[in-house]
N, C-alpha and C. Protein backbone atom coordinates (compact mmCIF):
# COMPACT_ATOMS: atom_id res chain seq x y z
N MET A 1 23.25 -31.90 -13.26
CA MET A 1 23.84 -30.85 -12.46
C MET A 1 23.98 -29.56 -13.27
N LYS A 2 24.44 -29.69 -14.52
CA LYS A 2 24.61 -28.51 -15.38
C LYS A 2 23.27 -27.82 -15.59
N ARG A 3 22.22 -28.61 -15.75
CA ARG A 3 20.88 -28.05 -15.94
C ARG A 3 20.42 -27.30 -14.69
N LEU A 4 20.71 -27.84 -13.53
CA LEU A 4 20.35 -27.19 -12.27
C LEU A 4 21.10 -25.87 -12.10
N LEU A 5 22.39 -25.86 -12.43
CA LEU A 5 23.17 -24.62 -12.33
C LEU A 5 22.66 -23.56 -13.31
N THR A 6 22.31 -23.97 -14.52
CA THR A 6 21.77 -23.04 -15.51
C THR A 6 20.45 -22.45 -15.02
N ALA A 7 19.58 -23.30 -14.49
CA ALA A 7 18.29 -22.82 -13.97
C ALA A 7 18.51 -21.86 -12.81
N LEU A 8 19.43 -22.18 -11.93
CA LEU A 8 19.74 -21.31 -10.79
C LEU A 8 20.28 -19.97 -11.26
N PHE A 9 21.16 -19.98 -12.25
CA PHE A 9 21.70 -18.74 -12.80
C PHE A 9 20.58 -17.88 -13.39
N LEU A 10 19.67 -18.51 -14.13
CA LEU A 10 18.58 -17.76 -14.74
C LEU A 10 17.65 -17.15 -13.70
N LEU A 11 17.56 -17.76 -12.55
CA LEU A 11 16.75 -17.20 -11.47
C LEU A 11 17.46 -16.06 -10.75
N ILE A 12 18.76 -16.19 -10.58
CA ILE A 12 19.52 -15.21 -9.80
C ILE A 12 19.98 -14.02 -10.64
N ALA A 13 20.28 -14.21 -11.90
CA ALA A 13 20.84 -13.15 -12.74
C ALA A 13 20.01 -11.87 -12.75
N PRO A 14 18.67 -11.94 -12.82
CA PRO A 14 17.91 -10.69 -12.83
C PRO A 14 18.11 -9.84 -11.57
N ALA A 15 18.51 -10.45 -10.49
CA ALA A 15 18.72 -9.70 -9.25
C ALA A 15 19.83 -8.68 -9.40
N PHE A 16 20.72 -8.90 -10.32
CA PHE A 16 21.84 -8.00 -10.50
C PHE A 16 21.73 -7.18 -11.77
N ALA A 17 20.58 -7.24 -12.41
CA ALA A 17 20.38 -6.53 -13.67
C ALA A 17 20.29 -5.03 -13.43
N THR A 18 20.79 -4.29 -14.34
CA THR A 18 20.62 -2.84 -14.32
C THR A 18 19.98 -2.43 -15.62
N ALA A 19 19.61 -1.20 -15.69
CA ALA A 19 18.91 -0.68 -16.86
C ALA A 19 19.83 -0.60 -18.07
N ALA A 20 19.24 -0.25 -19.18
CA ALA A 20 19.99 -0.03 -20.40
C ALA A 20 20.98 1.11 -20.19
N GLU A 21 21.79 1.35 -21.19
CA GLU A 21 22.76 2.45 -21.10
C GLU A 21 22.05 3.80 -21.04
N PRO A 22 22.60 4.74 -20.28
CA PRO A 22 22.01 6.08 -20.24
C PRO A 22 22.13 6.76 -21.60
N PRO A 23 21.19 7.65 -21.94
CA PRO A 23 21.28 8.34 -23.22
C PRO A 23 22.56 9.18 -23.29
N GLU A 24 23.14 9.20 -24.47
CA GLU A 24 24.38 9.95 -24.70
C GLU A 24 24.09 11.45 -24.79
N ILE A 25 25.13 12.24 -24.58
CA ILE A 25 25.02 13.69 -24.79
C ILE A 25 24.69 13.91 -26.26
N GLY A 26 23.70 14.75 -26.52
CA GLY A 26 23.25 15.03 -27.88
C GLY A 26 22.04 14.21 -28.29
N ALA A 27 21.76 13.13 -27.58
CA ALA A 27 20.61 12.28 -27.92
C ALA A 27 19.32 12.92 -27.41
N ALA A 28 18.22 12.55 -28.04
CA ALA A 28 16.92 13.00 -27.56
C ALA A 28 16.68 12.39 -26.18
N ALA A 29 16.20 13.20 -25.26
CA ALA A 29 15.89 12.71 -23.92
C ALA A 29 14.66 11.81 -24.02
N PRO A 30 14.68 10.66 -23.35
CA PRO A 30 13.49 9.80 -23.36
C PRO A 30 12.28 10.51 -22.75
N ALA A 31 11.14 10.34 -23.39
CA ALA A 31 9.90 10.97 -22.90
C ALA A 31 9.51 10.34 -21.57
N PHE A 32 8.79 11.12 -20.77
CA PHE A 32 8.23 10.60 -19.53
C PHE A 32 6.92 11.31 -19.24
N SER A 33 6.12 10.68 -18.42
CA SER A 33 4.86 11.25 -17.93
C SER A 33 4.58 10.56 -16.60
N LEU A 34 4.79 11.28 -15.50
CA LEU A 34 4.69 10.70 -14.16
C LEU A 34 4.04 11.69 -13.20
N PRO A 35 3.40 11.17 -12.14
CA PRO A 35 2.81 12.05 -11.13
C PRO A 35 3.86 12.56 -10.15
N ASP A 36 3.64 13.79 -9.67
CA ASP A 36 4.53 14.34 -8.64
C ASP A 36 3.93 14.11 -7.25
N GLN A 37 4.54 14.74 -6.26
CA GLN A 37 4.13 14.55 -4.87
C GLN A 37 2.71 15.04 -4.58
N ALA A 38 2.16 15.86 -5.45
CA ALA A 38 0.78 16.34 -5.28
C ALA A 38 -0.18 15.60 -6.20
N GLY A 39 0.32 14.63 -6.98
CA GLY A 39 -0.51 13.88 -7.91
C GLY A 39 -0.62 14.50 -9.29
N LYS A 40 0.02 15.66 -9.50
CA LYS A 40 -0.01 16.33 -10.80
C LYS A 40 0.96 15.61 -11.75
N THR A 41 0.50 15.36 -12.97
CA THR A 41 1.34 14.68 -13.96
C THR A 41 2.29 15.66 -14.63
N HIS A 42 3.54 15.26 -14.76
CA HIS A 42 4.57 16.03 -15.46
C HIS A 42 5.09 15.18 -16.62
N ALA A 43 5.26 15.82 -17.76
CA ALA A 43 5.80 15.14 -18.94
C ALA A 43 7.01 15.93 -19.44
N LEU A 44 7.89 15.26 -20.14
CA LEU A 44 9.05 15.95 -20.73
C LEU A 44 8.59 17.11 -21.59
N ALA A 45 7.52 16.92 -22.34
CA ALA A 45 7.02 17.97 -23.24
C ALA A 45 6.64 19.25 -22.49
N ASP A 46 6.29 19.12 -21.21
CA ASP A 46 5.94 20.30 -20.40
C ASP A 46 7.12 21.27 -20.25
N TYR A 47 8.32 20.77 -20.45
CA TYR A 47 9.54 21.57 -20.24
C TYR A 47 10.17 22.03 -21.55
N ALA A 48 9.48 21.82 -22.66
CA ALA A 48 10.00 22.26 -23.96
C ALA A 48 10.26 23.76 -23.92
N GLY A 49 11.40 24.16 -24.46
CA GLY A 49 11.76 25.58 -24.49
C GLY A 49 12.50 26.04 -23.24
N ARG A 50 12.68 25.14 -22.27
CA ARG A 50 13.40 25.47 -21.04
C ARG A 50 14.45 24.40 -20.77
N TRP A 51 15.43 24.75 -20.00
CA TRP A 51 16.41 23.79 -19.53
C TRP A 51 15.78 22.98 -18.40
N LEU A 52 16.13 21.70 -18.33
CA LEU A 52 15.61 20.83 -17.29
C LEU A 52 16.75 20.05 -16.64
N VAL A 53 16.79 20.09 -15.32
CA VAL A 53 17.70 19.26 -14.55
C VAL A 53 16.86 18.09 -14.04
N LEU A 54 17.06 16.94 -14.63
CA LEU A 54 16.30 15.74 -14.29
C LEU A 54 17.24 14.83 -13.51
N TYR A 55 16.96 14.72 -12.21
CA TYR A 55 17.86 13.90 -11.39
C TYR A 55 17.13 12.70 -10.81
N PHE A 56 17.81 11.57 -10.86
CA PHE A 56 17.30 10.31 -10.33
C PHE A 56 18.02 10.03 -9.02
N TYR A 57 17.26 9.53 -8.05
CA TYR A 57 17.87 9.26 -6.74
C TYR A 57 17.24 7.99 -6.16
N PRO A 58 17.97 7.30 -5.28
CA PRO A 58 17.52 6.00 -4.80
C PRO A 58 16.28 5.99 -3.90
N LYS A 59 16.23 6.84 -2.87
CA LYS A 59 15.18 6.66 -1.87
C LYS A 59 14.91 7.95 -1.11
N ASP A 60 13.63 8.29 -0.96
CA ASP A 60 13.25 9.46 -0.18
C ASP A 60 13.77 9.38 1.26
N ASP A 61 14.20 10.54 1.73
CA ASP A 61 14.56 10.74 3.14
C ASP A 61 15.69 9.87 3.65
N THR A 62 16.60 9.48 2.77
CA THR A 62 17.82 8.81 3.19
C THR A 62 18.93 9.86 3.17
N PRO A 63 20.04 9.64 3.87
CA PRO A 63 21.04 10.72 4.02
C PRO A 63 21.54 11.34 2.72
N GLY A 64 22.02 10.54 1.78
CA GLY A 64 22.55 11.10 0.54
C GLY A 64 21.48 11.78 -0.30
N CYS A 65 20.31 11.17 -0.35
CA CYS A 65 19.21 11.74 -1.14
C CYS A 65 18.70 13.03 -0.53
N THR A 66 18.69 13.10 0.78
CA THR A 66 18.27 14.34 1.46
C THR A 66 19.28 15.45 1.21
N THR A 67 20.55 15.13 1.31
CA THR A 67 21.60 16.12 1.04
C THR A 67 21.47 16.66 -0.38
N GLU A 68 21.33 15.78 -1.34
CA GLU A 68 21.23 16.20 -2.74
C GLU A 68 20.00 17.07 -2.96
N ALA A 69 18.83 16.63 -2.46
CA ALA A 69 17.59 17.38 -2.65
C ALA A 69 17.66 18.75 -1.98
N CYS A 70 18.20 18.80 -0.76
CA CYS A 70 18.28 20.08 -0.05
C CYS A 70 19.26 21.04 -0.71
N ASN A 71 20.31 20.52 -1.31
CA ASN A 71 21.24 21.38 -2.05
C ASN A 71 20.59 21.94 -3.31
N PHE A 72 19.79 21.12 -4.00
CA PHE A 72 19.03 21.66 -5.14
C PHE A 72 18.04 22.72 -4.64
N ARG A 73 17.39 22.45 -3.51
CA ARG A 73 16.46 23.42 -2.93
C ARG A 73 17.17 24.74 -2.65
N ASP A 74 18.35 24.66 -2.04
CA ASP A 74 19.09 25.87 -1.67
C ASP A 74 19.59 26.64 -2.88
N ASP A 75 19.80 25.96 -4.01
CA ASP A 75 20.28 26.61 -5.24
C ASP A 75 19.17 26.86 -6.25
N ILE A 76 17.90 26.63 -5.87
CA ILE A 76 16.83 26.71 -6.86
C ILE A 76 16.70 28.11 -7.47
N ALA A 77 16.93 29.16 -6.71
CA ALA A 77 16.82 30.52 -7.29
C ALA A 77 17.87 30.72 -8.38
N ARG A 78 19.10 30.28 -8.13
CA ARG A 78 20.16 30.39 -9.14
C ARG A 78 19.83 29.55 -10.37
N ILE A 79 19.31 28.35 -10.15
CA ILE A 79 18.97 27.46 -11.25
C ILE A 79 17.85 28.07 -12.10
N ARG A 80 16.84 28.58 -11.45
CA ARG A 80 15.72 29.19 -12.20
C ARG A 80 16.14 30.47 -12.89
N LYS A 81 17.07 31.22 -12.30
CA LYS A 81 17.58 32.42 -12.96
C LYS A 81 18.29 32.06 -14.27
N LEU A 82 18.81 30.85 -14.34
CA LEU A 82 19.47 30.36 -15.55
C LEU A 82 18.46 29.76 -16.54
N GLY A 83 17.17 29.87 -16.22
CA GLY A 83 16.13 29.38 -17.13
C GLY A 83 15.88 27.89 -17.04
N ALA A 84 16.23 27.29 -15.92
CA ALA A 84 16.09 25.85 -15.77
C ALA A 84 15.13 25.51 -14.64
N GLU A 85 14.59 24.32 -14.72
CA GLU A 85 13.77 23.74 -13.66
C GLU A 85 14.43 22.46 -13.17
N VAL A 86 14.15 22.09 -11.94
CA VAL A 86 14.67 20.86 -11.35
C VAL A 86 13.50 19.91 -11.14
N VAL A 87 13.72 18.64 -11.50
CA VAL A 87 12.73 17.59 -11.26
C VAL A 87 13.48 16.36 -10.77
N GLY A 88 13.05 15.83 -9.62
CA GLY A 88 13.63 14.61 -9.08
C GLY A 88 12.76 13.41 -9.43
N VAL A 89 13.38 12.24 -9.56
CA VAL A 89 12.65 11.01 -9.89
C VAL A 89 13.20 9.87 -9.05
N SER A 90 12.30 9.12 -8.43
CA SER A 90 12.69 7.85 -7.80
C SER A 90 11.52 6.89 -7.94
N VAL A 91 11.72 5.65 -7.52
CA VAL A 91 10.66 4.67 -7.63
C VAL A 91 9.74 4.69 -6.40
N ASP A 92 9.95 5.62 -5.48
CA ASP A 92 9.05 5.78 -4.34
C ASP A 92 7.69 6.26 -4.83
N ASP A 93 6.66 6.06 -4.01
CA ASP A 93 5.31 6.45 -4.42
C ASP A 93 5.01 7.91 -4.11
N VAL A 94 3.85 8.37 -4.55
CA VAL A 94 3.44 9.77 -4.39
C VAL A 94 3.41 10.16 -2.92
N ALA A 95 2.87 9.30 -2.05
CA ALA A 95 2.78 9.62 -0.62
C ALA A 95 4.16 9.79 0.01
N SER A 96 5.10 8.94 -0.36
CA SER A 96 6.46 9.06 0.15
C SER A 96 7.09 10.37 -0.30
N HIS A 97 6.89 10.70 -1.58
CA HIS A 97 7.41 11.97 -2.11
C HIS A 97 6.78 13.16 -1.40
N ALA A 98 5.47 13.09 -1.12
CA ALA A 98 4.79 14.20 -0.46
C ALA A 98 5.38 14.45 0.94
N ALA A 99 5.61 13.38 1.67
CA ALA A 99 6.18 13.52 3.02
C ALA A 99 7.61 14.06 2.95
N PHE A 100 8.40 13.56 2.01
CA PHE A 100 9.79 14.00 1.85
C PHE A 100 9.85 15.48 1.46
N ALA A 101 9.05 15.86 0.47
CA ALA A 101 9.03 17.25 0.00
C ALA A 101 8.58 18.20 1.10
N LYS A 102 7.56 17.80 1.86
CA LYS A 102 7.06 18.65 2.95
C LYS A 102 8.09 18.78 4.05
N LYS A 103 8.68 17.68 4.47
CA LYS A 103 9.65 17.67 5.56
C LYS A 103 10.83 18.60 5.28
N HIS A 104 11.25 18.65 4.00
CA HIS A 104 12.45 19.41 3.64
C HIS A 104 12.15 20.66 2.80
N SER A 105 10.89 21.03 2.71
CA SER A 105 10.46 22.23 1.96
C SER A 105 11.03 22.26 0.55
N LEU A 106 10.86 21.17 -0.16
CA LEU A 106 11.41 21.07 -1.52
C LEU A 106 10.48 21.78 -2.49
N PRO A 107 11.01 22.79 -3.22
CA PRO A 107 10.16 23.61 -4.09
C PRO A 107 10.11 23.13 -5.54
N PHE A 108 10.32 21.87 -5.77
CA PHE A 108 10.31 21.33 -7.13
C PHE A 108 9.64 19.96 -7.11
N PRO A 109 9.19 19.50 -8.28
CA PRO A 109 8.49 18.22 -8.36
C PRO A 109 9.40 17.03 -8.09
N LEU A 110 8.85 16.06 -7.39
CA LEU A 110 9.46 14.74 -7.22
C LEU A 110 8.51 13.76 -7.88
N LEU A 111 8.98 13.11 -8.93
CA LEU A 111 8.11 12.24 -9.71
C LEU A 111 8.18 10.79 -9.23
N ALA A 112 7.01 10.17 -9.14
CA ALA A 112 6.89 8.79 -8.68
C ALA A 112 6.92 7.84 -9.87
N ASP A 113 8.05 7.19 -10.04
CA ASP A 113 8.27 6.22 -11.11
C ASP A 113 8.16 4.81 -10.51
N GLU A 114 6.98 4.49 -9.99
CA GLU A 114 6.81 3.27 -9.20
C GLU A 114 7.18 1.99 -9.94
N GLY A 115 6.93 1.91 -11.22
CA GLY A 115 7.31 0.73 -11.98
C GLY A 115 8.75 0.74 -12.45
N GLY A 116 9.39 1.91 -12.38
CA GLY A 116 10.78 2.03 -12.78
C GLY A 116 11.00 2.18 -14.28
N ALA A 117 9.94 2.34 -15.07
CA ALA A 117 10.10 2.39 -16.53
C ALA A 117 10.89 3.62 -16.97
N VAL A 118 10.65 4.76 -16.36
CA VAL A 118 11.38 5.98 -16.76
C VAL A 118 12.83 5.87 -16.33
N ALA A 119 13.07 5.42 -15.11
CA ALA A 119 14.46 5.22 -14.66
C ALA A 119 15.18 4.27 -15.62
N ALA A 120 14.51 3.21 -16.03
CA ALA A 120 15.12 2.26 -16.97
C ALA A 120 15.46 2.95 -18.29
N SER A 121 14.57 3.81 -18.79
CA SER A 121 14.82 4.46 -20.08
C SER A 121 15.99 5.44 -20.01
N TYR A 122 16.34 5.89 -18.81
CA TYR A 122 17.49 6.77 -18.61
C TYR A 122 18.71 6.02 -18.10
N GLY A 123 18.66 4.69 -18.12
CA GLY A 123 19.79 3.89 -17.66
C GLY A 123 20.02 4.01 -16.17
N SER A 124 18.98 4.29 -15.41
CA SER A 124 19.13 4.55 -13.99
C SER A 124 18.47 3.51 -13.09
N LEU A 125 17.87 2.48 -13.65
CA LEU A 125 17.16 1.52 -12.81
C LEU A 125 18.09 0.41 -12.35
N ARG A 126 18.07 0.17 -11.07
CA ARG A 126 18.79 -0.97 -10.49
C ARG A 126 17.71 -1.93 -9.99
N ASP A 127 17.66 -3.10 -10.61
CA ASP A 127 16.67 -4.12 -10.23
C ASP A 127 17.37 -5.14 -9.34
N LEU A 128 17.00 -5.14 -8.06
CA LEU A 128 17.63 -6.04 -7.10
C LEU A 128 16.74 -7.24 -6.78
N MET A 129 15.86 -7.58 -7.68
CA MET A 129 14.89 -8.66 -7.63
C MET A 129 13.85 -8.43 -6.52
N VAL A 130 14.26 -8.27 -5.29
CA VAL A 130 13.29 -8.05 -4.22
C VAL A 130 12.83 -6.60 -4.17
N MET A 131 13.59 -5.72 -4.80
CA MET A 131 13.19 -4.32 -4.89
C MET A 131 13.92 -3.64 -6.04
N LYS A 132 13.33 -2.54 -6.49
CA LYS A 132 13.94 -1.73 -7.54
C LYS A 132 14.25 -0.37 -6.95
N MET A 133 15.31 0.25 -7.45
CA MET A 133 15.60 1.62 -7.06
C MET A 133 16.37 2.30 -8.18
N ALA A 134 16.30 3.61 -8.17
CA ALA A 134 17.03 4.38 -9.16
C ALA A 134 18.48 4.56 -8.70
N LYS A 135 19.39 4.52 -9.63
CA LYS A 135 20.77 4.90 -9.34
C LYS A 135 20.82 6.42 -9.33
N ARG A 136 21.78 6.97 -8.62
CA ARG A 136 21.94 8.42 -8.52
C ARG A 136 22.63 8.94 -9.78
N VAL A 137 21.84 9.42 -10.73
CA VAL A 137 22.35 10.01 -11.97
C VAL A 137 21.52 11.26 -12.27
N THR A 138 22.10 12.16 -13.06
CA THR A 138 21.41 13.40 -13.42
C THR A 138 21.65 13.70 -14.89
N PHE A 139 20.63 14.33 -15.49
CA PHE A 139 20.73 14.77 -16.88
C PHE A 139 20.30 16.22 -16.96
N ILE A 140 21.07 17.04 -17.67
CA ILE A 140 20.61 18.37 -18.04
C ILE A 140 20.08 18.24 -19.46
N ILE A 141 18.81 18.60 -19.62
CA ILE A 141 18.14 18.50 -20.91
C ILE A 141 17.96 19.91 -21.45
N ASP A 142 18.36 20.12 -22.69
CA ASP A 142 18.31 21.47 -23.26
C ASP A 142 16.88 21.83 -23.69
N PRO A 143 16.65 23.08 -24.07
CA PRO A 143 15.30 23.51 -24.45
C PRO A 143 14.70 22.76 -25.65
N LYS A 144 15.55 22.08 -26.43
CA LYS A 144 15.06 21.30 -27.57
C LYS A 144 14.81 19.84 -27.22
N GLY A 145 14.99 19.48 -25.93
CA GLY A 145 14.72 18.12 -25.50
C GLY A 145 15.86 17.15 -25.71
N ARG A 146 17.08 17.68 -25.84
CA ARG A 146 18.26 16.82 -26.02
C ARG A 146 19.11 16.82 -24.75
N VAL A 147 19.79 15.72 -24.52
CA VAL A 147 20.68 15.60 -23.37
C VAL A 147 21.89 16.49 -23.62
N ALA A 148 22.06 17.50 -22.78
CA ALA A 148 23.18 18.43 -22.92
C ALA A 148 24.34 18.06 -22.00
N GLN A 149 24.03 17.40 -20.91
CA GLN A 149 25.05 16.97 -19.94
C GLN A 149 24.48 15.80 -19.17
N ARG A 150 25.35 14.88 -18.77
CA ARG A 150 24.91 13.78 -17.93
C ARG A 150 25.95 13.54 -16.85
N TYR A 151 25.47 13.11 -15.72
CA TYR A 151 26.32 12.85 -14.56
C TYR A 151 26.04 11.42 -14.12
N LEU A 152 26.98 10.54 -14.38
CA LEU A 152 26.79 9.14 -14.05
C LEU A 152 27.42 8.79 -12.71
N GLU A 153 28.24 9.68 -12.20
CA GLU A 153 28.82 9.56 -10.85
C GLU A 153 28.51 10.85 -10.14
N VAL A 154 27.73 10.78 -9.07
CA VAL A 154 27.25 11.98 -8.40
C VAL A 154 27.67 11.99 -6.93
N ASP A 155 28.27 13.10 -6.51
CA ASP A 155 28.55 13.35 -5.10
C ASP A 155 27.42 14.24 -4.59
N PRO A 156 26.52 13.71 -3.75
CA PRO A 156 25.36 14.50 -3.32
C PRO A 156 25.70 15.85 -2.70
N LYS A 157 26.86 15.95 -2.07
CA LYS A 157 27.24 17.21 -1.40
C LYS A 157 27.61 18.30 -2.40
N ALA A 158 28.25 17.94 -3.49
CA ALA A 158 28.77 18.94 -4.45
C ALA A 158 27.94 19.04 -5.72
N HIS A 159 26.96 18.18 -5.88
CA HIS A 159 26.29 18.05 -7.17
C HIS A 159 25.53 19.30 -7.61
N ALA A 160 24.76 19.91 -6.73
CA ALA A 160 23.97 21.08 -7.14
C ALA A 160 24.87 22.19 -7.66
N ALA A 161 25.98 22.44 -6.97
CA ALA A 161 26.91 23.48 -7.42
C ALA A 161 27.52 23.12 -8.78
N GLU A 162 27.80 21.85 -8.99
CA GLU A 162 28.34 21.38 -10.27
C GLU A 162 27.31 21.61 -11.39
N VAL A 163 26.04 21.33 -11.10
CA VAL A 163 24.97 21.53 -12.08
C VAL A 163 24.83 23.01 -12.42
N VAL A 164 24.87 23.88 -11.41
CA VAL A 164 24.76 25.33 -11.65
C VAL A 164 25.90 25.78 -12.56
N ALA A 165 27.11 25.38 -12.27
CA ALA A 165 28.27 25.77 -13.09
C ALA A 165 28.11 25.28 -14.53
N ASP A 166 27.64 24.05 -14.70
CA ASP A 166 27.47 23.51 -16.05
C ASP A 166 26.31 24.19 -16.78
N LEU A 167 25.24 24.53 -16.07
CA LEU A 167 24.15 25.27 -16.70
C LEU A 167 24.64 26.62 -17.22
N GLU A 168 25.46 27.31 -16.43
CA GLU A 168 26.02 28.59 -16.86
C GLU A 168 26.83 28.40 -18.14
N ARG A 169 27.68 27.40 -18.15
CA ARG A 169 28.53 27.11 -19.31
C ARG A 169 27.69 26.72 -20.53
N LEU A 170 26.72 25.86 -20.34
CA LEU A 170 25.88 25.39 -21.45
C LEU A 170 25.05 26.52 -22.05
N ARG A 171 24.51 27.38 -21.19
CA ARG A 171 23.72 28.50 -21.69
C ARG A 171 24.57 29.48 -22.49
N LYS A 172 25.79 29.73 -22.03
CA LYS A 172 26.71 30.61 -22.79
C LYS A 172 27.03 30.02 -24.15
N ALA A 173 27.27 28.71 -24.16
CA ALA A 173 27.62 28.03 -25.43
C ALA A 173 26.44 28.00 -26.39
N ALA A 174 25.21 27.99 -25.85
CA ALA A 174 24.01 27.95 -26.69
C ALA A 174 23.67 29.30 -27.29
N ASN A 175 24.16 30.37 -26.67
CA ASN A 175 23.83 31.75 -27.16
C ASN A 175 24.80 32.24 -28.19
């Protein structure tokens, strides 16, 4: 019986596994190279010398994810004026991202992390055995490629404004 329970636990435990710990503030941001909604590959190195808002979200075109993406869209001019770019990441595929970006006129890349490796490296992967999805977390990466801010609890309605305020603060502190 003990052997059966152990075997059952080993089968079920991965269903509740989550990714490693998210990188700490000050740590080097994990590298990535993923395709966006148009099939163009984006890598962390492409953003060297600029601020990057890298946000992970669970699923294209769901209520919270749509709210978050549209708020970033609405604040994109302010974010870019601060010298930053926005990039979204989920485990959805390129076609799903293309439909989501088109439907909501999203002016920034949505990266397809279909295997979940990048989400895992940022501590954002939730492996539910039958499916994987990213947890809603965000990182502001500084021009040197280091994590300047991280958000492990995100309110999709208020998040873009919070990111803008923190970008303003971080840029002042860096100058």
